[in-house]
Amino acid sequence: MPMLTRQTLPAMEAVSASDWNALVGDDHPFLRHEFLHALEASGSVGPATGWVPRHQTLWQGESLVGIMPLYHKHHSFGEYVFDWAWADAWERAGGRLLPRAR
């Protein structure tokens, strides 16, 4: 049996849609190759937005056997929602958020 190896992909186009989607199936549309590739191709994610693709794949020989979409985030601006007002209100009310850069 071939050894398992992990590979980090810099973009969805580095792996075939059919191989990726064979592991995702049809029940999870936001994990499908077409959706993730559209995010990258449109510029919604990428270095300019602070979400750099670092998708993790697991291979057994030439066969893709495991996948995990992953992005390296370069800032703490929230997940496309600027939540500073909520964070400030929470802190004024005596709450404490995790340390974060502003």
C-alpha atoms as a PDB file:
ATOM      1  CA  MET A   1       0.000   0.000   0.000  1.00  0.00           C
ATOM      2  CA  PRO A   2       1.445   3.429  -0.981  1.00  0.00           C
ATOM      3  CA  MET A   3       2.438   5.796   1.782  1.00  0.00           C
ATOM      4  CA  LEU A   4       0.205   8.739   2.741  1.00  0.00           C
ATOM      5  CA  THR A   5       1.561  12.192   1.966  1.00  0.00           C
ATOM      6  CA  ARG A   6       0.166  15.647   2.762  1.00  0.00           C
ATOM      7  CA  GLN A   7       0.334  18.469   0.268  1.00  0.00           C
ATOM      8  CA  THR A   8      -0.604  22.144   0.655  1.00  0.00           C
ATOM      9  CA  LEU A   9      -2.281  23.584  -2.423  1.00  0.00           C
ATOM     10  CA  PRO A  10      -1.915  27.295  -3.222  1.00  0.00           C
ATOM     11  CA  ALA A  11      -5.184  27.356  -5.194  1.00  0.00           C
ATOM     12  CA  MET A  12      -8.147  25.166  -6.068  1.00  0.00           C
ATOM     13  CA  GLU A  13      -6.991  24.937  -9.658  1.00  0.00           C
ATOM     14  CA  ALA A  14      -4.062  22.805  -8.432  1.00  0.00           C
ATOM     15  CA  VAL A  15      -6.396  19.804  -8.044  1.00  0.00           C
ATOM     16  CA  SER A  16      -9.037  18.459 -10.402  1.00  0.00           C
ATOM     17  CA  ALA A  17     -12.670  19.214  -9.627  1.00  0.00           C
ATOM     18  CA  SER A  18     -13.638  15.576 -10.118  1.00  0.00           C
ATOM     19  CA  ASP A  19     -11.041  14.313  -7.602  1.00  0.00           C
ATOM     20  CA  TRP A  20     -11.979  16.968  -5.005  1.00  0.00           C
ATOM     21  CA  ASN A  21     -15.736  16.575  -5.437  1.00  0.00           C
ATOM     22  CA  ALA A  22     -15.542  12.782  -5.221  1.00  0.00           C
ATOM     23  CA  LEU A  23     -14.600  13.270  -1.558  1.00  0.00           C
ATOM     24  CA  VAL A  24     -17.145  16.045  -0.881  1.00  0.00           C
ATOM     25  CA  GLY A  25     -20.256  14.551  -2.439  1.00  0.00           C
ATOM     26  CA  ASP A  26     -23.412  16.543  -3.106  1.00  0.00           C
ATOM     27  CA  ASP A  27     -24.531  17.335   0.456  1.00  0.00           C
ATOM     28  CA  HIS A  28     -22.032  20.144   1.119  1.00  0.00           C
ATOM     29  CA  PRO A  29     -22.214  22.768  -1.682  1.00  0.00           C
ATOM     30  CA  PHE A  30     -19.876  25.202   0.074  1.00  0.00           C
ATOM     31  CA  LEU A  31     -17.079  22.613   0.122  1.00  0.00           C
ATOM     32  CA  ARG A  32     -17.363  21.746  -3.557  1.00  0.00           C
ATOM     33  CA  HIS A  33     -14.526  22.601  -5.911  1.00  0.00           C
ATOM     34  CA  GLU A  34     -16.705  24.908  -8.041  1.00  0.00           C
ATOM     35  CA  PHE A  35     -17.670  27.091  -5.076  1.00  0.00           C
ATOM     36  CA  LEU A  36     -14.159  27.384  -3.627  1.00  0.00           C
ATOM     37  CA  HIS A  37     -12.669  28.007  -7.070  1.00  0.00           C
ATOM     38  CA  ALA A  38     -15.254  30.751  -7.706  1.00  0.00           C
ATOM     39  CA  LEU A  39     -14.207  32.482  -4.463  1.00  0.00           C
ATOM     40  CA  GLU A  40     -10.593  32.471  -5.631  1.00  0.00           C
ATOM     41  CA  ALA A  41     -11.270  33.372  -9.282  1.00  0.00           C
ATOM     42  CA  SER A  42     -13.522  36.300  -8.293  1.00  0.00           C
ATOM     43  CA  GLY A  43     -10.949  37.729  -5.883  1.00  0.00           C
ATOM     44  CA  SER A  44     -13.271  37.246  -2.899  1.00  0.00           C
ATOM     45  CA  VAL A  45     -10.435  35.337  -1.246  1.00  0.00           C
ATOM     46  CA  GLY A  46      -6.746  35.802  -1.933  1.00  0.00           C
ATOM     47  CA  PRO A  47      -3.796  37.901  -0.840  1.00  0.00           C
ATOM     48  CA  ALA A  48      -5.635  41.187  -1.506  1.00  0.00           C
ATOM     49  CA  THR A  49      -8.432  40.264   0.923  1.00  0.00           C
ATOM     50  CA  GLY A  50      -6.130  38.709   3.514  1.00  0.00           C
ATOM     51  CA  TRP A  51      -7.452  35.160   2.963  1.00  0.00           C
ATOM     52  CA  VAL A  52      -4.645  33.206   1.251  1.00  0.00           C
ATOM     53  CA  PRO A  53      -5.545  29.668   0.083  1.00  0.00           C
ATOM     54  CA  ARG A  54      -3.560  26.912   1.816  1.00  0.00           C
ATOM     55  CA  HIS A  55      -5.809  23.921   1.078  1.00  0.00           C
ATOM     56  CA  GLN A  56      -4.635  20.694   2.692  1.00  0.00           C
ATOM     57  CA  THR A  57      -4.749  17.441   0.756  1.00  0.00           C
ATOM     58  CA  LEU A  58      -3.867  13.879   1.651  1.00  0.00           C
ATOM     59  CA  TRP A  59      -2.630  11.539  -1.063  1.00  0.00           C
ATOM     60  CA  GLN A  60      -2.109   7.807  -1.156  1.00  0.00           C
ATOM     61  CA  GLY A  61       0.219   7.413  -4.070  1.00  0.00           C
ATOM     62  CA  GLU A  62      -1.487   9.239  -6.951  1.00  0.00           C
ATOM     63  CA  SER A  63      -4.955   9.082  -5.358  1.00  0.00           C
ATOM     64  CA  LEU A  64      -6.492  11.980  -3.460  1.00  0.00           C
ATOM     65  CA  VAL A  65      -7.906  10.496  -0.248  1.00  0.00           C
ATOM     66  CA  GLY A  66      -8.406  13.520   2.036  1.00  0.00           C
ATOM     67  CA  ILE A  67      -9.126  17.241   1.687  1.00  0.00           C
ATOM     68  CA  MET A  68      -9.535  20.268   3.915  1.00  0.00           C
ATOM     69  CA  PRO A  69     -10.138  23.766   2.567  1.00  0.00           C
ATOM     70  CA  LEU A  70      -7.922  26.140   4.518  1.00  0.00           C
ATOM     71  CA  TYR A  71      -7.068  29.828   4.324  1.00  0.00           C
ATOM     72  CA  HIS A  72      -4.251  31.742   6.004  1.00  0.00           C
ATOM     73  CA  LYS A  73      -5.859  34.891   7.360  1.00  0.00           C
ATOM     74  CA  HIS A  74      -3.651  37.994   7.561  1.00  0.00           C
ATOM     75  CA  HIS A  75      -5.890  40.164   9.739  1.00  0.00           C
ATOM     76  CA  SER A  76      -8.588  40.048  12.403  1.00  0.00           C
ATOM     77  CA  PHE A  77     -11.319  41.976  10.610  1.00  0.00           C
ATOM     78  CA  GLY A  78     -13.939  39.261  11.186  1.00  0.00           C
ATOM     79  CA  GLU A  79     -15.415  36.911   8.664  1.00  0.00           C
ATOM     80  CA  TYR A  80     -16.392  39.546   6.090  1.00  0.00           C
ATOM     81  CA  VAL A  81     -18.323  41.372   8.834  1.00  0.00           C
ATOM     82  CA  PHE A  82     -16.682  44.244  10.636  1.00  0.00           C
ATOM     83  CA  ASP A  83     -17.729  43.581  14.216  1.00  0.00           C
ATOM     84  CA  TRP A  84     -15.895  46.373  16.030  1.00  0.00           C
ATOM     85  CA  ALA A  85     -19.128  47.952  17.310  1.00  0.00           C
ATOM     86  CA  TRP A  86     -20.214  44.654  18.897  1.00  0.00           C
ATOM     87  CA  ALA A  87     -16.745  44.105  20.348  1.00  0.00           C
ATOM     88  CA  ASP A  88     -16.622  47.620  21.795  1.00  0.00           C
ATOM     89  CA  ALA A  89     -20.113  47.253  23.288  1.00  0.00           C
ATOM     90  CA  TRP A  90     -19.142  43.925  24.855  1.00  0.00           C
ATOM     91  CA  GLU A  91     -16.005  45.439  26.386  1.00  0.00           C
ATOM     92  CA  ARG A  92     -17.939  48.485  27.702  1.00  0.00           C
ATOM     93  CA  ALA A  93     -20.365  46.023  29.350  1.00  0.00           C
ATOM     94  CA  GLY A  94     -17.442  44.401  31.160  1.00  0.00           C
ATOM     95  CA  GLY A  95     -16.806  41.488  28.792  1.00  0.00           C
ATOM     96  CA  ARG A  96     -13.384  40.567  27.501  1.00  0.00           C
ATOM     97  CA  LEU A  97     -12.713  39.319  23.986  1.00  0.00           C
ATOM     98  CA  LEU A  98      -9.687  37.328  22.992  1.00  0.00           C
ATOM     99  CA  PRO A  99      -6.678  39.521  22.288  1.00  0.00           C
ATOM    100  CA  ARG A 100      -6.979  40.858  18.760  1.00  0.00           C
ATOM    101  CA  ALA A 101      -5.191  43.320  16.511  1.00  0.00           C
ATOM    102  CA  ARG A 102      -7.058  46.390  15.328  1.00  0.00           C
END
